[in-house]
Amino acid sequence: MGLIGCIKIETGATIEEATESNEVRAKQIRSQWADRLSRVNGDRERAIILKEHIDSVSAVYIRYGLNVADEWRKGNMGRGQVIEASEMRLVVDAWVKTQRPILMAYEDNMEYGIRLVRDSKSSEPLPLQAYSLLDSMANQYYNTYSAVFYPNNNVETYEEELLKARERHRGFSDRFNGLFRKY
């Protein structure tokens, strides 16, 4: 009797499986964030942690966008013609489709942190400029998200928008850091 073998080809998770897995991960991210903020003493420390979260997520988005720009540029060269922004949006949308639960968890965490800091009845409130800077950082976060996940025009314009978003974010972040060096 001969041995007949089978080969199992692993194709990875389906879109539905990946999305479901990321939904579980998103719940963990939200839970860990809430737990972390609940263990913090004082608005200043909470605001600094929130700022670091916004910095970190924005940096990840910008890196992803710069990778998209690199692939877009390579695609233009490989095809010998310009890939339209609408086609790149489809590529980005395909990635975002499974990652959306995690992206939403990051956004929810930022909004939760801002509400927590803003609604605090702390005996040591933050300087008023800190609230304004956190709002500016949140707005820049949304602008960065849009710049990264909704490519427009061409690769050069896309990349330029990403670099501008990174610089605007750094400016807000540096001003926030400077504000707390004063106090």
N, C-alpha and C. Protein backbone atom coordinates (compact mmCIF):
# COMPACT_ATOMS: atom_id res chain seq x y z
N MET A 1 0.85 -1.16 0.00
CA MET A 1 0.00 0.00 0.00
C MET A 1 0.90 1.23 0.00
N GLY A 2 0.65 2.12 -0.89
CA GLY A 2 1.44 3.34 -0.98
C GLY A 2 0.89 4.42 -0.09
N LEU A 3 1.73 5.36 0.25
CA LEU A 3 1.33 6.49 1.08
C LEU A 3 1.01 7.66 0.17
N ILE A 4 -0.17 8.14 0.28
CA ILE A 4 -0.58 9.30 -0.52
C ILE A 4 -0.60 10.49 0.44
N GLY A 5 0.13 11.49 0.08
CA GLY A 5 0.24 12.66 0.95
C GLY A 5 -0.63 13.82 0.48
N CYS A 6 -0.86 14.71 1.37
CA CYS A 6 -1.61 15.92 1.06
C CYS A 6 -0.74 17.11 1.42
N ILE A 7 -0.90 18.13 0.70
CA ILE A 7 -0.20 19.38 0.99
C ILE A 7 -1.26 20.39 1.38
N LYS A 8 -1.06 20.99 2.52
CA LYS A 8 -1.98 22.02 2.96
C LYS A 8 -1.36 23.37 2.60
N ILE A 9 -2.09 24.13 1.88
CA ILE A 9 -1.62 25.46 1.49
C ILE A 9 -2.31 26.47 2.40
N GLU A 10 -1.50 27.19 3.14
CA GLU A 10 -2.03 28.20 4.06
C GLU A 10 -2.19 29.50 3.29
N THR A 11 -3.40 29.95 3.17
CA THR A 11 -3.66 31.17 2.42
C THR A 11 -3.88 32.38 3.32
N GLY A 12 -3.82 32.18 4.60
CA GLY A 12 -4.04 33.27 5.53
C GLY A 12 -5.51 33.43 5.85
N ALA A 13 -5.76 34.36 6.70
CA ALA A 13 -7.13 34.60 7.15
C ALA A 13 -7.95 35.26 6.05
N THR A 14 -9.21 34.96 6.03
CA THR A 14 -10.12 35.65 5.12
C THR A 14 -10.30 37.08 5.64
N ILE A 15 -10.89 37.91 4.83
CA ILE A 15 -11.15 39.28 5.25
C ILE A 15 -12.03 39.28 6.49
N GLU A 16 -13.02 38.42 6.50
CA GLU A 16 -13.94 38.35 7.65
C GLU A 16 -13.20 37.89 8.91
N GLU A 17 -12.33 36.87 8.76
CA GLU A 17 -11.57 36.38 9.91
C GLU A 17 -10.61 37.44 10.43
N ALA A 18 -9.94 38.13 9.52
CA ALA A 18 -9.01 39.18 9.93
C ALA A 18 -9.75 40.31 10.63
N THR A 19 -10.90 40.69 10.10
CA THR A 19 -11.69 41.76 10.72
C THR A 19 -12.16 41.33 12.10
N GLU A 20 -12.65 40.10 12.21
CA GLU A 20 -13.11 39.60 13.51
C GLU A 20 -11.97 39.56 14.52
N SER A 21 -10.82 39.11 14.10
CA SER A 21 -9.65 39.08 14.98
C SER A 21 -9.27 40.49 15.43
N ASN A 22 -9.34 41.44 14.51
CA ASN A 22 -9.01 42.82 14.84
C ASN A 22 -10.08 43.46 15.73
N GLU A 23 -11.31 43.00 15.64
CA GLU A 23 -12.34 43.50 16.55
C GLU A 23 -12.04 43.07 17.98
N VAL A 24 -11.59 41.85 18.14
CA VAL A 24 -11.19 41.36 19.47
C VAL A 24 -10.00 42.18 19.97
N ARG A 25 -9.03 42.39 19.10
CA ARG A 25 -7.84 43.16 19.47
C ARG A 25 -8.22 44.60 19.82
N ALA A 26 -9.17 45.18 19.09
CA ALA A 26 -9.61 46.55 19.35
C ALA A 26 -10.24 46.67 20.74
N LYS A 27 -11.02 45.68 21.13
CA LYS A 27 -11.61 45.68 22.48
C LYS A 27 -10.51 45.65 23.54
N GLN A 28 -9.47 44.87 23.29
CA GLN A 28 -8.34 44.81 24.23
C GLN A 28 -7.63 46.15 24.30
N ILE A 29 -7.44 46.79 23.16
CA ILE A 29 -6.76 48.09 23.11
C ILE A 29 -7.55 49.11 23.92
N ARG A 30 -8.87 49.15 23.74
CA ARG A 30 -9.71 50.09 24.49
C ARG A 30 -9.65 49.80 25.99
N SER A 31 -9.74 48.54 26.34
CA SER A 31 -9.73 48.14 27.75
C SER A 31 -8.39 48.50 28.41
N GLN A 32 -7.30 48.22 27.73
CA GLN A 32 -5.98 48.53 28.28
C GLN A 32 -5.81 50.04 28.46
N TRP A 33 -6.32 50.80 27.49
CA TRP A 33 -6.22 52.26 27.55
C TRP A 33 -7.01 52.80 28.74
N ALA A 34 -8.24 52.34 28.89
CA ALA A 34 -9.08 52.79 30.01
C ALA A 34 -8.42 52.43 31.34
N ASP A 35 -7.87 51.23 31.42
CA ASP A 35 -7.19 50.79 32.63
C ASP A 35 -5.98 51.68 32.92
N ARG A 36 -5.21 51.97 31.88
CA ARG A 36 -4.01 52.80 32.06
C ARG A 36 -4.38 54.19 32.55
N LEU A 37 -5.39 54.80 31.94
CA LEU A 37 -5.78 56.15 32.36
C LEU A 37 -6.39 56.17 33.75
N SER A 38 -7.05 55.09 34.14
CA SER A 38 -7.66 55.05 35.48
C SER A 38 -6.60 54.96 36.58
N ARG A 39 -5.42 54.45 36.25
CA ARG A 39 -4.36 54.30 37.25
C ARG A 39 -3.49 55.54 37.38
N VAL A 40 -3.74 56.55 36.58
CA VAL A 40 -2.91 57.75 36.57
C VAL A 40 -3.39 58.73 37.63
N ASN A 41 -2.43 59.34 38.30
CA ASN A 41 -2.75 60.35 39.30
C ASN A 41 -2.55 61.74 38.72
N GLY A 42 -3.63 62.43 38.50
CA GLY A 42 -3.55 63.82 38.07
C GLY A 42 -3.72 64.04 36.58
N ASP A 43 -4.26 65.20 36.29
CA ASP A 43 -4.53 65.56 34.90
C ASP A 43 -3.27 65.77 34.08
N ARG A 44 -2.25 66.30 34.72
CA ARG A 44 -1.02 66.55 33.97
C ARG A 44 -0.45 65.25 33.40
N GLU A 45 -0.34 64.24 34.25
CA GLU A 45 0.18 62.95 33.78
C GLU A 45 -0.75 62.33 32.74
N ARG A 46 -2.04 62.45 32.97
CA ARG A 46 -3.03 61.91 32.01
C ARG A 46 -2.90 62.62 30.66
N ALA A 47 -2.74 63.94 30.69
CA ALA A 47 -2.60 64.72 29.46
C ALA A 47 -1.32 64.34 28.72
N ILE A 48 -0.25 64.11 29.46
CA ILE A 48 1.02 63.71 28.82
C ILE A 48 0.88 62.34 28.17
N ILE A 49 0.21 61.42 28.84
CA ILE A 49 -0.01 60.09 28.26
C ILE A 49 -0.88 60.21 27.00
N LEU A 50 -1.89 61.05 27.06
CA LEU A 50 -2.76 61.27 25.91
C LEU A 50 -1.96 61.85 24.74
N LYS A 51 -1.14 62.83 25.02
CA LYS A 51 -0.30 63.44 23.99
C LYS A 51 0.62 62.39 23.38
N GLU A 52 1.21 61.53 24.20
CA GLU A 52 2.09 60.47 23.70
C GLU A 52 1.32 59.49 22.81
N HIS A 53 0.06 59.21 23.17
CA HIS A 53 -0.78 58.34 22.34
C HIS A 53 -1.01 58.98 20.97
N ILE A 54 -1.37 60.26 20.96
CA ILE A 54 -1.61 60.96 19.70
C ILE A 54 -0.32 60.99 18.88
N ASP A 55 0.80 61.28 19.53
CA ASP A 55 2.10 61.28 18.83
C ASP A 55 2.38 59.92 18.19
N SER A 56 2.20 58.88 18.96
CA SER A 56 2.53 57.53 18.51
C SER A 56 1.65 57.09 17.34
N VAL A 57 0.35 57.26 17.48
CA VAL A 57 -0.56 56.82 16.42
C VAL A 57 -0.34 57.65 15.16
N SER A 58 -0.16 58.96 15.32
CA SER A 58 0.09 59.82 14.15
C SER A 58 1.37 59.39 13.43
N ALA A 59 2.40 59.06 14.19
CA ALA A 59 3.66 58.61 13.58
C ALA A 59 3.47 57.31 12.81
N VAL A 60 2.68 56.40 13.36
CA VAL A 60 2.40 55.13 12.66
C VAL A 60 1.66 55.42 11.36
N TYR A 61 0.68 56.31 11.41
CA TYR A 61 -0.06 56.64 10.19
C TYR A 61 0.85 57.26 9.13
N ILE A 62 1.69 58.17 9.55
CA ILE A 62 2.61 58.83 8.60
C ILE A 62 3.56 57.79 7.99
N ARG A 63 4.11 56.89 8.81
CA ARG A 63 4.99 55.84 8.28
C ARG A 63 4.25 54.98 7.26
N TYR A 64 3.01 54.61 7.59
CA TYR A 64 2.21 53.82 6.65
C TYR A 64 2.03 54.61 5.35
N GLY A 65 1.69 55.89 5.46
CA GLY A 65 1.50 56.71 4.28
C GLY A 65 2.76 56.83 3.44
N LEU A 66 3.91 56.97 4.09
CA LEU A 66 5.17 57.05 3.34
C LEU A 66 5.48 55.73 2.64
N ASN A 67 5.10 54.62 3.27
CA ASN A 67 5.24 53.31 2.61
C ASN A 67 4.32 53.23 1.39
N VAL A 68 3.10 53.74 1.53
CA VAL A 68 2.17 53.78 0.39
C VAL A 68 2.79 54.61 -0.73
N ALA A 69 3.36 55.77 -0.38
CA ALA A 69 3.99 56.63 -1.38
C ALA A 69 5.12 55.90 -2.10
N ASP A 70 5.94 55.17 -1.34
CA ASP A 70 7.03 54.40 -1.96
C ASP A 70 6.48 53.36 -2.93
N GLU A 71 5.45 52.63 -2.51
CA GLU A 71 4.85 51.62 -3.39
C GLU A 71 4.19 52.26 -4.61
N TRP A 72 3.58 53.40 -4.40
CA TRP A 72 2.93 54.13 -5.49
C TRP A 72 3.99 54.52 -6.53
N ARG A 73 5.10 55.05 -6.03
CA ARG A 73 6.19 55.47 -6.92
C ARG A 73 6.74 54.26 -7.69
N LYS A 74 6.95 53.14 -6.99
CA LYS A 74 7.43 51.92 -7.65
C LYS A 74 6.43 51.44 -8.69
N GLY A 75 5.15 51.51 -8.36
CA GLY A 75 4.11 51.11 -9.30
C GLY A 75 4.11 51.97 -10.55
N ASN A 76 4.30 53.28 -10.35
CA ASN A 76 4.39 54.19 -11.51
C ASN A 76 5.54 53.79 -12.42
N MET A 77 6.67 53.47 -11.81
CA MET A 77 7.86 53.10 -12.61
C MET A 77 7.66 51.75 -13.27
N GLY A 78 7.09 50.80 -12.55
CA GLY A 78 6.89 49.46 -13.08
C GLY A 78 5.90 49.43 -14.24
N ARG A 79 4.89 50.24 -14.16
CA ARG A 79 3.88 50.29 -15.22
C ARG A 79 4.32 51.17 -16.39
N GLY A 80 5.18 52.10 -16.07
CA GLY A 80 5.56 53.05 -17.10
C GLY A 80 4.51 54.12 -17.31
N GLN A 81 3.57 54.20 -16.42
CA GLN A 81 2.55 55.24 -16.47
C GLN A 81 2.11 55.57 -15.05
N VAL A 82 1.48 56.71 -14.90
CA VAL A 82 1.08 57.19 -13.58
C VAL A 82 -0.15 56.42 -13.08
N ILE A 83 -0.06 55.95 -11.85
CA ILE A 83 -1.21 55.33 -11.19
C ILE A 83 -2.05 56.46 -10.61
N GLU A 84 -3.32 56.42 -10.90
CA GLU A 84 -4.24 57.46 -10.43
C GLU A 84 -4.47 57.35 -8.93
N ALA A 85 -4.75 58.48 -8.31
CA ALA A 85 -5.03 58.51 -6.88
C ALA A 85 -6.22 57.62 -6.53
N SER A 86 -7.21 57.57 -7.41
CA SER A 86 -8.39 56.74 -7.14
C SER A 86 -8.01 55.27 -7.02
N GLU A 87 -7.04 54.83 -7.80
CA GLU A 87 -6.58 53.44 -7.71
C GLU A 87 -5.83 53.21 -6.39
N MET A 88 -5.04 54.19 -5.97
CA MET A 88 -4.31 54.05 -4.71
C MET A 88 -5.29 54.06 -3.52
N ARG A 89 -6.37 54.81 -3.64
CA ARG A 89 -7.38 54.79 -2.57
C ARG A 89 -7.96 53.39 -2.42
N LEU A 90 -8.14 52.68 -3.54
CA LEU A 90 -8.64 51.31 -3.49
C LEU A 90 -7.65 50.39 -2.77
N VAL A 91 -6.35 50.59 -3.03
CA VAL A 91 -5.32 49.80 -2.36
C VAL A 91 -5.35 50.07 -0.85
N VAL A 92 -5.41 51.33 -0.49
CA VAL A 92 -5.45 51.71 0.93
C VAL A 92 -6.73 51.19 1.57
N ASP A 93 -7.86 51.34 0.87
CA ASP A 93 -9.14 50.85 1.40
C ASP A 93 -9.11 49.36 1.70
N ALA A 94 -8.43 48.61 0.83
CA ALA A 94 -8.35 47.15 1.04
C ALA A 94 -7.63 46.85 2.35
N TRP A 95 -6.59 47.59 2.67
CA TRP A 95 -5.87 47.39 3.94
C TRP A 95 -6.73 47.86 5.11
N VAL A 96 -7.33 49.03 4.95
CA VAL A 96 -8.11 49.61 6.03
C VAL A 96 -9.32 48.74 6.37
N LYS A 97 -9.84 48.05 5.39
CA LYS A 97 -11.04 47.24 5.60
C LYS A 97 -10.90 46.30 6.80
N THR A 98 -9.78 45.60 6.89
CA THR A 98 -9.59 44.68 8.01
C THR A 98 -9.05 45.38 9.25
N GLN A 99 -8.39 46.50 9.07
CA GLN A 99 -7.76 47.22 10.18
C GLN A 99 -8.70 48.23 10.85
N ARG A 100 -9.85 48.49 10.24
CA ARG A 100 -10.76 49.52 10.74
C ARG A 100 -11.07 49.40 12.24
N PRO A 101 -11.33 48.19 12.78
CA PRO A 101 -11.61 48.12 14.22
C PRO A 101 -10.46 48.67 15.08
N ILE A 102 -9.24 48.39 14.69
CA ILE A 102 -8.10 48.88 15.46
C ILE A 102 -7.94 50.39 15.27
N LEU A 103 -8.11 50.87 14.05
CA LEU A 103 -8.02 52.30 13.80
C LEU A 103 -9.08 53.05 14.61
N MET A 104 -10.26 52.49 14.67
CA MET A 104 -11.33 53.11 15.46
C MET A 104 -11.02 53.05 16.95
N ALA A 105 -10.38 52.00 17.41
CA ALA A 105 -10.00 51.91 18.83
C ALA A 105 -9.00 53.01 19.18
N TYR A 106 -8.04 53.26 18.30
CA TYR A 106 -7.08 54.35 18.54
C TYR A 106 -7.81 55.69 18.63
N GLU A 107 -8.75 55.91 17.72
CA GLU A 107 -9.51 57.16 17.73
C GLU A 107 -10.38 57.25 18.98
N ASP A 108 -11.06 56.17 19.31
CA ASP A 108 -11.89 56.15 20.53
C ASP A 108 -11.05 56.45 21.77
N ASN A 109 -9.85 55.87 21.83
CA ASN A 109 -8.97 56.10 22.97
C ASN A 109 -8.59 57.57 23.08
N MET A 110 -8.28 58.18 21.95
CA MET A 110 -7.93 59.60 21.96
C MET A 110 -9.11 60.42 22.46
N GLU A 111 -10.29 60.17 21.91
CA GLU A 111 -11.47 60.93 22.31
C GLU A 111 -11.82 60.71 23.78
N TYR A 112 -11.69 59.47 24.25
CA TYR A 112 -11.94 59.16 25.66
C TYR A 112 -10.95 59.93 26.54
N GLY A 113 -9.69 59.92 26.17
CA GLY A 113 -8.68 60.62 26.94
C GLY A 113 -8.93 62.12 27.00
N ILE A 114 -9.32 62.70 25.88
CA ILE A 114 -9.61 64.14 25.85
C ILE A 114 -10.80 64.45 26.75
N ARG A 115 -11.86 63.64 26.66
CA ARG A 115 -13.02 63.86 27.53
C ARG A 115 -12.63 63.76 29.00
N LEU A 116 -11.81 62.76 29.32
CA LEU A 116 -11.39 62.55 30.70
C LEU A 116 -10.62 63.75 31.23
N VAL A 117 -9.70 64.26 30.43
CA VAL A 117 -8.91 65.42 30.84
C VAL A 117 -9.79 66.66 30.92
N ARG A 118 -10.62 66.87 29.91
CA ARG A 118 -11.45 68.07 29.85
C ARG A 118 -12.51 68.10 30.96
N ASP A 119 -13.08 66.96 31.28
CA ASP A 119 -14.17 66.89 32.27
C ASP A 119 -13.68 66.72 33.70
N SER A 120 -12.38 66.67 33.89
CA SER A 120 -11.82 66.44 35.21
C SER A 120 -12.14 67.59 36.16
N LYS A 121 -12.35 67.23 37.38
CA LYS A 121 -12.60 68.22 38.45
C LYS A 121 -11.38 68.29 39.36
N SER A 122 -10.21 68.14 38.77
CA SER A 122 -8.96 68.09 39.52
C SER A 122 -8.70 69.39 40.27
N SER A 123 -8.08 69.24 41.42
CA SER A 123 -7.69 70.43 42.19
C SER A 123 -6.47 71.10 41.58
N GLU A 124 -5.82 70.40 40.65
CA GLU A 124 -4.67 70.96 39.94
C GLU A 124 -4.95 70.92 38.44
N PRO A 125 -5.79 71.85 37.96
CA PRO A 125 -6.14 71.82 36.54
C PRO A 125 -4.92 72.14 35.66
N LEU A 126 -5.02 71.75 34.43
CA LEU A 126 -3.97 72.03 33.46
C LEU A 126 -3.99 73.50 33.09
N PRO A 127 -2.87 74.01 32.60
CA PRO A 127 -2.89 75.37 32.05
C PRO A 127 -3.88 75.41 30.88
N LEU A 128 -4.57 76.51 30.71
CA LEU A 128 -5.59 76.61 29.65
C LEU A 128 -5.02 76.28 28.28
N GLN A 129 -3.77 76.66 28.04
CA GLN A 129 -3.16 76.38 26.73
C GLN A 129 -3.06 74.89 26.46
N ALA A 130 -2.97 74.08 27.50
CA ALA A 130 -2.86 72.63 27.32
C ALA A 130 -4.12 72.07 26.68
N TYR A 131 -5.28 72.58 27.12
CA TYR A 131 -6.54 72.11 26.54
C TYR A 131 -6.61 72.47 25.06
N SER A 132 -6.22 73.68 24.76
CA SER A 132 -6.23 74.14 23.38
C SER A 132 -5.26 73.33 22.52
N LEU A 133 -4.09 73.04 23.05
CA LEU A 133 -3.12 72.24 22.30
C LEU A 133 -3.59 70.81 22.10
N LEU A 134 -4.24 70.24 23.11
CA LEU A 134 -4.79 68.89 22.94
C LEU A 134 -5.86 68.88 21.85
N ASP A 135 -6.70 69.91 21.83
CA ASP A 135 -7.71 70.02 20.77
C ASP A 135 -7.05 70.16 19.41
N SER A 136 -6.00 70.98 19.33
CA SER A 136 -5.28 71.16 18.07
C SER A 136 -4.62 69.86 17.63
N MET A 137 -4.07 69.12 18.58
CA MET A 137 -3.44 67.85 18.25
C MET A 137 -4.49 66.84 17.76
N ALA A 138 -5.66 66.86 18.38
CA ALA A 138 -6.73 65.96 17.94
C ALA A 138 -7.17 66.31 16.52
N ASN A 139 -7.33 67.61 16.24
CA ASN A 139 -7.69 68.03 14.89
C ASN A 139 -6.62 67.64 13.88
N GLN A 140 -5.36 67.80 14.27
CA GLN A 140 -4.28 67.41 13.37
C GLN A 140 -4.26 65.89 13.18
N TYR A 141 -4.60 65.15 14.21
CA TYR A 141 -4.72 63.70 14.10
C TYR A 141 -5.72 63.34 13.00
N TYR A 142 -6.88 63.99 13.02
CA TYR A 142 -7.90 63.72 12.00
C TYR A 142 -7.40 64.14 10.61
N ASN A 143 -6.70 65.27 10.55
CA ASN A 143 -6.14 65.71 9.26
C ASN A 143 -5.10 64.72 8.74
N THR A 144 -4.28 64.20 9.65
CA THR A 144 -3.28 63.21 9.27
C THR A 144 -3.96 61.95 8.77
N TYR A 145 -4.97 61.51 9.46
CA TYR A 145 -5.73 60.33 9.05
C TYR A 145 -6.24 60.51 7.62
N SER A 146 -6.85 61.65 7.37
CA SER A 146 -7.39 61.93 6.04
C SER A 146 -6.30 61.96 4.98
N ALA A 147 -5.19 62.61 5.30
CA ALA A 147 -4.09 62.70 4.33
C ALA A 147 -3.54 61.32 4.00
N VAL A 148 -3.43 60.46 4.99
CA VAL A 148 -2.85 59.13 4.80
C VAL A 148 -3.82 58.20 4.08
N PHE A 149 -5.05 58.13 4.54
CA PHE A 149 -5.97 57.10 4.08
C PHE A 149 -6.84 57.51 2.89
N TYR A 150 -6.72 58.77 2.46
CA TYR A 150 -7.47 59.23 1.29
C TYR A 150 -6.53 59.95 0.32
N PRO A 151 -5.66 59.18 -0.35
CA PRO A 151 -4.69 59.80 -1.28
C PRO A 151 -5.40 60.61 -2.36
N ASN A 152 -4.84 61.77 -2.66
CA ASN A 152 -5.37 62.63 -3.72
C ASN A 152 -4.26 63.01 -4.69
N ASN A 153 -4.66 63.44 -5.85
CA ASN A 153 -3.78 63.95 -6.90
C ASN A 153 -2.78 62.91 -7.38
N ASN A 154 -1.51 63.09 -7.00
CA ASN A 154 -0.46 62.18 -7.46
C ASN A 154 0.47 61.87 -6.30
N VAL A 155 1.44 61.00 -6.53
CA VAL A 155 2.31 60.55 -5.45
C VAL A 155 3.10 61.70 -4.84
N GLU A 156 3.54 62.64 -5.66
CA GLU A 156 4.33 63.76 -5.15
C GLU A 156 3.50 64.63 -4.21
N THR A 157 2.26 64.92 -4.61
CA THR A 157 1.37 65.72 -3.77
C THR A 157 1.02 64.96 -2.49
N TYR A 158 0.76 63.67 -2.63
CA TYR A 158 0.44 62.83 -1.47
C TYR A 158 1.58 62.87 -0.46
N GLU A 159 2.78 62.64 -0.94
CA GLU A 159 3.94 62.63 -0.05
C GLU A 159 4.15 64.00 0.59
N GLU A 160 3.96 65.06 -0.19
CA GLU A 160 4.10 66.42 0.34
C GLU A 160 3.09 66.67 1.46
N GLU A 161 1.86 66.21 1.27
CA GLU A 161 0.84 66.37 2.30
C GLU A 161 1.21 65.60 3.57
N LEU A 162 1.78 64.41 3.40
CA LEU A 162 2.20 63.63 4.57
C LEU A 162 3.29 64.35 5.34
N LEU A 163 4.26 64.89 4.63
CA LEU A 163 5.36 65.59 5.29
C LEU A 163 4.87 66.86 5.99
N LYS A 164 3.93 67.56 5.37
CA LYS A 164 3.34 68.74 6.02
C LYS A 164 2.58 68.33 7.27
N ALA A 165 1.83 67.24 7.18
CA ALA A 165 1.07 66.77 8.35
C ALA A 165 2.02 66.41 9.48
N ARG A 166 3.12 65.75 9.15
CA ARG A 166 4.10 65.38 10.17
C ARG A 166 4.68 66.62 10.84
N GLU A 167 5.01 67.64 10.05
CA GLU A 167 5.58 68.87 10.62
C GLU A 167 4.57 69.63 11.47
N ARG A 168 3.32 69.70 11.01
CA ARG A 168 2.29 70.37 11.81
C ARG A 168 2.11 69.64 13.14
N HIS A 169 2.07 68.32 13.08
CA HIS A 169 1.91 67.55 14.31
C HIS A 169 3.10 67.79 15.25
N ARG A 170 4.30 67.74 14.70
CA ARG A 170 5.49 67.99 15.54
C ARG A 170 5.44 69.35 16.19
N GLY A 171 4.96 70.35 15.46
CA GLY A 171 4.85 71.69 16.02
C GLY A 171 3.93 71.72 17.23
N PHE A 172 2.76 71.10 17.11
CA PHE A 172 1.83 71.05 18.25
C PHE A 172 2.44 70.26 19.40
N SER A 173 3.06 69.15 19.09
CA SER A 173 3.65 68.31 20.11
C SER A 173 4.78 69.03 20.84
N ASP A 174 5.62 69.72 20.09
CA ASP A 174 6.72 70.48 20.70
C ASP A 174 6.18 71.61 21.59
N ARG A 175 5.13 72.29 21.14
CA ARG A 175 4.54 73.35 21.97
C ARG A 175 3.95 72.77 23.25
N PHE A 176 3.33 71.61 23.15
CA PHE A 176 2.79 70.95 24.33
C PHE A 176 3.92 70.62 25.30
N ASN A 177 5.00 70.03 24.79
CA ASN A 177 6.15 69.71 25.64
C ASN A 177 6.71 70.97 26.28
N GLY A 178 6.82 72.05 25.51
CA GLY A 178 7.34 73.31 26.03
C GLY A 178 6.46 73.89 27.12
N LEU A 179 5.19 73.72 26.98
CA LEU A 179 4.24 74.23 27.98
C LEU A 179 4.49 73.56 29.32
N PHE A 180 4.76 72.26 29.31
CA PHE A 180 4.96 71.55 30.58
C PHE A 180 6.37 71.71 31.12
N ARG A 181 7.28 72.17 30.28
CA ARG A 181 8.62 72.49 30.83
C ARG A 181 8.54 73.75 31.67
N LYS A 182 7.57 74.61 31.35
CA LYS A 182 7.40 75.85 32.12
C LYS A 182 6.84 75.59 33.51
N TYR A 183 6.03 74.53 33.64
CA TYR A 183 5.31 74.31 34.90
C TYR A 183 5.96 73.23 35.72
